[in-house]
Amino acid sequence: MSAGMDFVFAGQTVEYWSWEDALDYAFESVVQTAFKGEEHTSEPRTFREAMQHPEEERQQWLKAAQDEIQSLVENGTFELVECPPGRKAIGSRWVFKVKHNADGSIECYKGRLV
């Protein structure tokens, strides 16, 4: 077994970074990742909040909500009926997220009704 390991690792050297270089690299990566998300100010917590964003972003959130509703209708997820007497309908809320590509650019705006 050890002869096989010698063969695999023969002539190879491993170069490790200093602590300072490793921390610099890690900090730089964190900073770059943080600044990639600055293309939008925040993800809205409600539909009303989504509609208060700047026009271009508002249109993206509206399209995301419309796509979600269309998907629910096409999949037969719910059936619209009257509530029985003495009963209340369950509540729902919107969850909005911005999906990013690997390079940090915006892939799409997503809206989910939960």
N, C-alpha and C. Protein backbone atom coordinates (compact mmCIF):
# COMPACT_ATOMS: atom_id res chain seq x y z
N MET A 1 0.82 -1.19 0.00
CA MET A 1 0.00 0.00 0.00
C MET A 1 0.87 1.25 0.00
N SER A 2 1.89 1.28 0.87
CA SER A 2 2.70 2.49 0.94
C SER A 2 3.48 2.69 -0.35
N ALA A 3 3.82 1.60 -1.05
CA ALA A 3 4.52 1.75 -2.34
C ALA A 3 3.59 2.43 -3.34
N GLY A 4 2.32 2.09 -3.31
CA GLY A 4 1.35 2.72 -4.20
C GLY A 4 1.18 4.20 -3.90
N MET A 5 1.18 4.55 -2.61
CA MET A 5 1.06 5.96 -2.23
C MET A 5 2.29 6.74 -2.66
N ASP A 6 3.46 6.13 -2.53
CA ASP A 6 4.69 6.80 -2.97
C ASP A 6 4.62 7.09 -4.46
N PHE A 7 4.06 6.15 -5.23
CA PHE A 7 3.95 6.33 -6.67
C PHE A 7 3.02 7.49 -7.01
N VAL A 8 1.88 7.56 -6.30
CA VAL A 8 0.89 8.60 -6.57
C VAL A 8 1.43 9.98 -6.23
N PHE A 9 2.13 10.08 -5.10
CA PHE A 9 2.58 11.39 -4.64
C PHE A 9 4.03 11.69 -4.97
N ALA A 10 4.69 10.85 -5.71
CA ALA A 10 6.11 11.04 -6.00
C ALA A 10 6.33 12.34 -6.76
N GLY A 11 7.24 13.14 -6.26
CA GLY A 11 7.63 14.36 -6.94
C GLY A 11 6.64 15.49 -6.82
N GLN A 12 5.54 15.31 -6.08
CA GLN A 12 4.56 16.38 -5.93
C GLN A 12 4.82 17.14 -4.64
N THR A 13 4.74 18.45 -4.73
CA THR A 13 4.85 19.27 -3.52
C THR A 13 3.58 20.09 -3.40
N VAL A 14 3.20 20.33 -2.20
CA VAL A 14 2.00 21.11 -1.93
C VAL A 14 2.45 22.44 -1.34
N GLU A 15 1.95 23.53 -1.92
CA GLU A 15 2.29 24.86 -1.42
C GLU A 15 1.08 25.43 -0.71
N TYR A 16 1.25 25.74 0.55
CA TYR A 16 0.17 26.30 1.35
C TYR A 16 0.29 27.82 1.41
N TRP A 17 -0.84 28.49 1.54
CA TRP A 17 -0.84 29.94 1.69
C TRP A 17 -0.53 30.29 3.13
N SER A 18 0.00 31.47 3.33
CA SER A 18 0.17 31.96 4.69
C SER A 18 -1.21 32.34 5.22
N TRP A 19 -1.33 32.47 6.55
CA TRP A 19 -2.61 32.87 7.13
C TRP A 19 -3.05 34.21 6.57
N GLU A 20 -2.12 35.11 6.44
CA GLU A 20 -2.44 36.45 5.95
C GLU A 20 -2.99 36.40 4.52
N ASP A 21 -2.35 35.61 3.65
CA ASP A 21 -2.82 35.49 2.26
C ASP A 21 -4.19 34.82 2.21
N ALA A 22 -4.39 33.79 3.02
CA ALA A 22 -5.67 33.08 3.04
C ALA A 22 -6.79 34.00 3.52
N LEU A 23 -6.54 34.77 4.56
CA LEU A 23 -7.56 35.69 5.07
C LEU A 23 -7.85 36.80 4.06
N ASP A 24 -6.81 37.32 3.41
CA ASP A 24 -7.03 38.33 2.37
C ASP A 24 -7.91 37.79 1.26
N TYR A 25 -7.65 36.57 0.82
CA TYR A 25 -8.43 35.95 -0.25
C TYR A 25 -9.88 35.75 0.19
N ALA A 26 -10.07 35.23 1.41
CA ALA A 26 -11.42 34.98 1.92
C ALA A 26 -12.19 36.29 2.05
N PHE A 27 -11.56 37.32 2.58
CA PHE A 27 -12.23 38.61 2.74
C PHE A 27 -12.59 39.19 1.39
N GLU A 28 -11.69 39.11 0.43
CA GLU A 28 -11.96 39.63 -0.91
C GLU A 28 -13.16 38.92 -1.53
N SER A 29 -13.25 37.60 -1.36
CA SER A 29 -14.37 36.83 -1.90
C SER A 29 -15.69 37.26 -1.27
N VAL A 30 -15.69 37.46 0.04
CA VAL A 30 -16.91 37.88 0.74
C VAL A 30 -17.35 39.25 0.26
N VAL A 31 -16.41 40.17 0.12
CA VAL A 31 -16.73 41.53 -0.32
C VAL A 31 -17.29 41.50 -1.74
N GLN A 32 -16.67 40.74 -2.63
CA GLN A 32 -17.15 40.65 -4.01
C GLN A 32 -18.56 40.10 -4.05
N THR A 33 -18.84 39.06 -3.28
CA THR A 33 -20.17 38.46 -3.24
C THR A 33 -21.19 39.45 -2.71
N ALA A 34 -20.82 40.21 -1.69
CA ALA A 34 -21.76 41.18 -1.10
C ALA A 34 -22.12 42.27 -2.09
N PHE A 35 -21.15 42.75 -2.86
CA PHE A 35 -21.43 43.83 -3.78
C PHE A 35 -22.16 43.38 -5.03
N LYS A 36 -22.15 42.10 -5.34
CA LYS A 36 -22.90 41.62 -6.51
C LYS A 36 -24.40 41.81 -6.31
N GLY A 37 -24.86 41.75 -5.08
CA GLY A 37 -26.30 41.85 -4.80
C GLY A 37 -26.82 43.26 -4.75
N GLU A 38 -26.00 44.27 -5.04
CA GLU A 38 -26.45 45.65 -4.91
C GLU A 38 -27.24 46.15 -6.10
N GLU A 39 -27.57 45.29 -7.06
CA GLU A 39 -28.33 45.72 -8.22
C GLU A 39 -29.77 46.07 -7.84
N HIS A 40 -30.26 45.52 -6.77
CA HIS A 40 -31.59 45.88 -6.27
C HIS A 40 -31.47 46.21 -4.79
N THR A 41 -32.38 47.00 -4.31
CA THR A 41 -32.27 47.46 -2.93
C THR A 41 -32.69 46.38 -1.94
N SER A 42 -33.80 45.72 -2.20
CA SER A 42 -34.26 44.68 -1.28
C SER A 42 -35.36 43.86 -1.94
N GLU A 43 -35.60 42.70 -1.37
CA GLU A 43 -36.71 41.87 -1.83
C GLU A 43 -37.94 42.27 -1.04
N PRO A 44 -39.04 42.56 -1.72
CA PRO A 44 -40.24 43.01 -1.01
C PRO A 44 -40.82 41.90 -0.13
N ARG A 45 -41.45 42.31 0.96
CA ARG A 45 -42.07 41.36 1.87
C ARG A 45 -43.56 41.20 1.60
N THR A 46 -44.15 42.14 0.87
CA THR A 46 -45.57 42.06 0.53
C THR A 46 -45.76 42.49 -0.92
N PHE A 47 -46.94 42.19 -1.46
CA PHE A 47 -47.24 42.62 -2.82
C PHE A 47 -47.28 44.15 -2.89
N ARG A 48 -47.85 44.77 -1.90
CA ARG A 48 -47.92 46.24 -1.86
C ARG A 48 -46.52 46.85 -1.90
N GLU A 49 -45.62 46.27 -1.12
CA GLU A 49 -44.23 46.74 -1.10
C GLU A 49 -43.57 46.55 -2.47
N ALA A 50 -43.87 45.44 -3.12
CA ALA A 50 -43.32 45.17 -4.45
C ALA A 50 -43.78 46.23 -5.44
N MET A 51 -45.02 46.66 -5.30
CA MET A 51 -45.56 47.65 -6.23
C MET A 51 -45.08 49.07 -5.93
N GLN A 52 -44.33 49.25 -4.85
CA GLN A 52 -43.77 50.56 -4.52
C GLN A 52 -42.32 50.69 -4.98
N HIS A 53 -41.77 49.65 -5.58
CA HIS A 53 -40.40 49.71 -6.11
C HIS A 53 -40.37 50.58 -7.36
N PRO A 54 -39.18 50.98 -7.80
CA PRO A 54 -39.07 51.76 -9.05
C PRO A 54 -39.74 51.02 -10.22
N GLU A 55 -40.18 51.78 -11.21
CA GLU A 55 -41.00 51.25 -12.31
C GLU A 55 -40.45 49.98 -12.94
N GLU A 56 -39.18 49.97 -13.31
CA GLU A 56 -38.62 48.80 -13.99
C GLU A 56 -38.67 47.55 -13.10
N GLU A 57 -38.30 47.73 -11.84
CA GLU A 57 -38.33 46.60 -10.91
C GLU A 57 -39.77 46.21 -10.58
N ARG A 58 -40.66 47.19 -10.45
CA ARG A 58 -42.07 46.92 -10.17
C ARG A 58 -42.66 46.02 -11.26
N GLN A 59 -42.34 46.31 -12.51
CA GLN A 59 -42.84 45.49 -13.62
C GLN A 59 -42.32 44.05 -13.52
N GLN A 60 -41.09 43.88 -13.08
CA GLN A 60 -40.54 42.52 -12.90
C GLN A 60 -41.28 41.77 -11.80
N TRP A 61 -41.56 42.46 -10.68
CA TRP A 61 -42.30 41.81 -9.59
C TRP A 61 -43.73 41.49 -10.00
N LEU A 62 -44.37 42.39 -10.74
CA LEU A 62 -45.73 42.15 -11.21
C LEU A 62 -45.77 40.94 -12.13
N LYS A 63 -44.81 40.85 -13.05
CA LYS A 63 -44.74 39.70 -13.96
C LYS A 63 -44.51 38.41 -13.18
N ALA A 64 -43.67 38.45 -12.15
CA ALA A 64 -43.41 37.26 -11.33
C ALA A 64 -44.70 36.80 -10.63
N ALA A 65 -45.48 37.75 -10.11
CA ALA A 65 -46.75 37.42 -9.44
C ALA A 65 -47.75 36.86 -10.44
N GLN A 66 -47.84 37.48 -11.62
CA GLN A 66 -48.76 37.00 -12.65
C GLN A 66 -48.38 35.59 -13.12
N ASP A 67 -47.08 35.34 -13.28
CA ASP A 67 -46.62 34.00 -13.68
C ASP A 67 -46.98 32.96 -12.64
N GLU A 68 -46.85 33.32 -11.35
CA GLU A 68 -47.19 32.39 -10.27
C GLU A 68 -48.69 32.07 -10.28
N ILE A 69 -49.52 33.08 -10.42
CA ILE A 69 -50.97 32.86 -10.44
C ILE A 69 -51.35 32.01 -11.66
N GLN A 70 -50.77 32.32 -12.81
CA GLN A 70 -51.03 31.54 -14.02
C GLN A 70 -50.64 30.07 -13.81
N SER A 71 -49.51 29.84 -13.18
CA SER A 71 -49.06 28.48 -12.91
C SER A 71 -50.04 27.74 -11.98
N LEU A 72 -50.51 28.43 -10.95
CA LEU A 72 -51.47 27.82 -10.02
C LEU A 72 -52.76 27.45 -10.74
N VAL A 73 -53.24 28.32 -11.62
CA VAL A 73 -54.48 28.05 -12.37
C VAL A 73 -54.27 26.88 -13.32
N GLU A 74 -53.17 26.90 -14.08
CA GLU A 74 -52.91 25.84 -15.06
C GLU A 74 -52.75 24.47 -14.40
N ASN A 75 -52.18 24.44 -13.19
CA ASN A 75 -51.96 23.17 -12.49
C ASN A 75 -53.17 22.72 -11.68
N GLY A 76 -54.23 23.51 -11.67
CA GLY A 76 -55.43 23.13 -10.91
C GLY A 76 -55.16 23.04 -9.42
N THR A 77 -54.31 23.93 -8.93
CA THR A 77 -53.88 23.89 -7.54
C THR A 77 -55.01 24.20 -6.56
N PHE A 78 -55.96 24.99 -6.97
CA PHE A 78 -57.03 25.38 -6.06
C PHE A 78 -58.35 25.42 -6.81
N GLU A 79 -59.41 25.48 -6.03
CA GLU A 79 -60.75 25.59 -6.59
C GLU A 79 -61.46 26.70 -5.82
N LEU A 80 -61.99 27.66 -6.52
CA LEU A 80 -62.65 28.80 -5.89
C LEU A 80 -64.07 28.41 -5.50
N VAL A 81 -64.34 28.44 -4.20
CA VAL A 81 -65.67 28.09 -3.67
C VAL A 81 -66.04 29.07 -2.56
N GLU A 82 -67.31 29.09 -2.20
CA GLU A 82 -67.75 29.90 -1.07
C GLU A 82 -67.43 29.16 0.22
N CYS A 83 -67.09 29.93 1.26
CA CYS A 83 -66.82 29.32 2.56
C CYS A 83 -68.14 28.86 3.18
N PRO A 84 -68.12 27.71 3.84
CA PRO A 84 -69.33 27.29 4.56
C PRO A 84 -69.64 28.28 5.68
N PRO A 85 -70.89 28.36 6.07
CA PRO A 85 -71.26 29.30 7.15
C PRO A 85 -70.45 29.03 8.42
N GLY A 86 -69.96 30.11 9.02
CA GLY A 86 -69.20 29.99 10.27
C GLY A 86 -67.74 29.62 10.08
N ARG A 87 -67.27 29.53 8.86
CA ARG A 87 -65.87 29.17 8.59
C ARG A 87 -65.13 30.34 7.97
N LYS A 88 -63.80 30.37 8.19
CA LYS A 88 -62.97 31.41 7.59
C LYS A 88 -62.00 30.77 6.60
N ALA A 89 -61.70 31.50 5.56
CA ALA A 89 -60.73 31.02 4.57
C ALA A 89 -59.32 31.10 5.17
N ILE A 90 -58.45 30.20 4.72
CA ILE A 90 -57.07 30.27 5.19
C ILE A 90 -56.37 31.45 4.51
N GLY A 91 -55.38 32.00 5.18
CA GLY A 91 -54.67 33.15 4.64
C GLY A 91 -53.56 32.72 3.69
N SER A 92 -53.02 33.69 3.01
CA SER A 92 -51.88 33.45 2.14
C SER A 92 -51.02 34.70 2.13
N ARG A 93 -49.81 34.58 1.63
CA ARG A 93 -48.94 35.73 1.50
C ARG A 93 -47.97 35.49 0.36
N TRP A 94 -47.37 36.56 -0.12
CA TRP A 94 -46.40 36.47 -1.20
C TRP A 94 -44.99 36.37 -0.64
N VAL A 95 -44.17 35.56 -1.30
CA VAL A 95 -42.74 35.50 -1.01
C VAL A 95 -42.04 35.85 -2.31
N PHE A 96 -41.27 36.92 -2.28
CA PHE A 96 -40.55 37.38 -3.46
C PHE A 96 -39.06 37.17 -3.29
N LYS A 97 -38.40 36.67 -4.33
CA LYS A 97 -36.96 36.43 -4.30
C LYS A 97 -36.36 36.82 -5.64
N VAL A 98 -35.13 37.29 -5.59
CA VAL A 98 -34.35 37.55 -6.79
C VAL A 98 -33.40 36.39 -6.95
N LYS A 99 -33.43 35.73 -8.10
CA LYS A 99 -32.52 34.62 -8.39
C LYS A 99 -31.33 35.18 -9.16
N HIS A 100 -30.13 34.76 -8.77
CA HIS A 100 -28.90 35.26 -9.38
C HIS A 100 -28.18 34.17 -10.16
N ASN A 101 -27.48 34.57 -11.22
CA ASN A 101 -26.57 33.69 -11.94
C ASN A 101 -25.29 33.54 -11.13
N ALA A 102 -24.41 32.63 -11.56
CA ALA A 102 -23.16 32.39 -10.86
C ALA A 102 -22.29 33.65 -10.81
N ASP A 103 -22.39 34.51 -11.82
CA ASP A 103 -21.57 35.72 -11.86
C ASP A 103 -22.19 36.86 -11.06
N GLY A 104 -23.33 36.63 -10.41
CA GLY A 104 -23.96 37.64 -9.57
C GLY A 104 -25.01 38.47 -10.28
N SER A 105 -25.13 38.34 -11.60
CA SER A 105 -26.15 39.10 -12.31
C SER A 105 -27.53 38.50 -12.02
N ILE A 106 -28.57 39.29 -12.22
CA ILE A 106 -29.93 38.84 -11.92
C ILE A 106 -30.41 37.90 -13.02
N GLU A 107 -30.82 36.70 -12.62
CA GLU A 107 -31.38 35.72 -13.55
C GLU A 107 -32.87 35.99 -13.75
N CYS A 108 -33.60 36.11 -12.64
CA CYS A 108 -35.03 36.37 -12.73
C CYS A 108 -35.59 36.78 -11.38
N TYR A 109 -36.79 37.32 -11.41
CA TYR A 109 -37.53 37.68 -10.23
C TYR A 109 -38.58 36.58 -10.02
N LYS A 110 -38.69 36.06 -8.79
CA LYS A 110 -39.63 34.97 -8.52
C LYS A 110 -40.65 35.42 -7.48
N GLY A 111 -41.87 35.04 -7.69
CA GLY A 111 -42.94 35.30 -6.73
C GLY A 111 -43.64 33.99 -6.42
N ARG A 112 -43.86 33.72 -5.15
CA ARG A 112 -44.57 32.51 -4.74
C ARG A 112 -45.70 32.89 -3.80
N LEU A 113 -46.85 32.33 -4.03
CA LEU A 113 -48.00 32.55 -3.17
C LEU A 113 -48.07 31.37 -2.21
N VAL A 114 -47.87 31.65 -0.94
CA VAL A 114 -47.86 30.56 0.07
C VAL A 114 -48.91 30.80 1.13
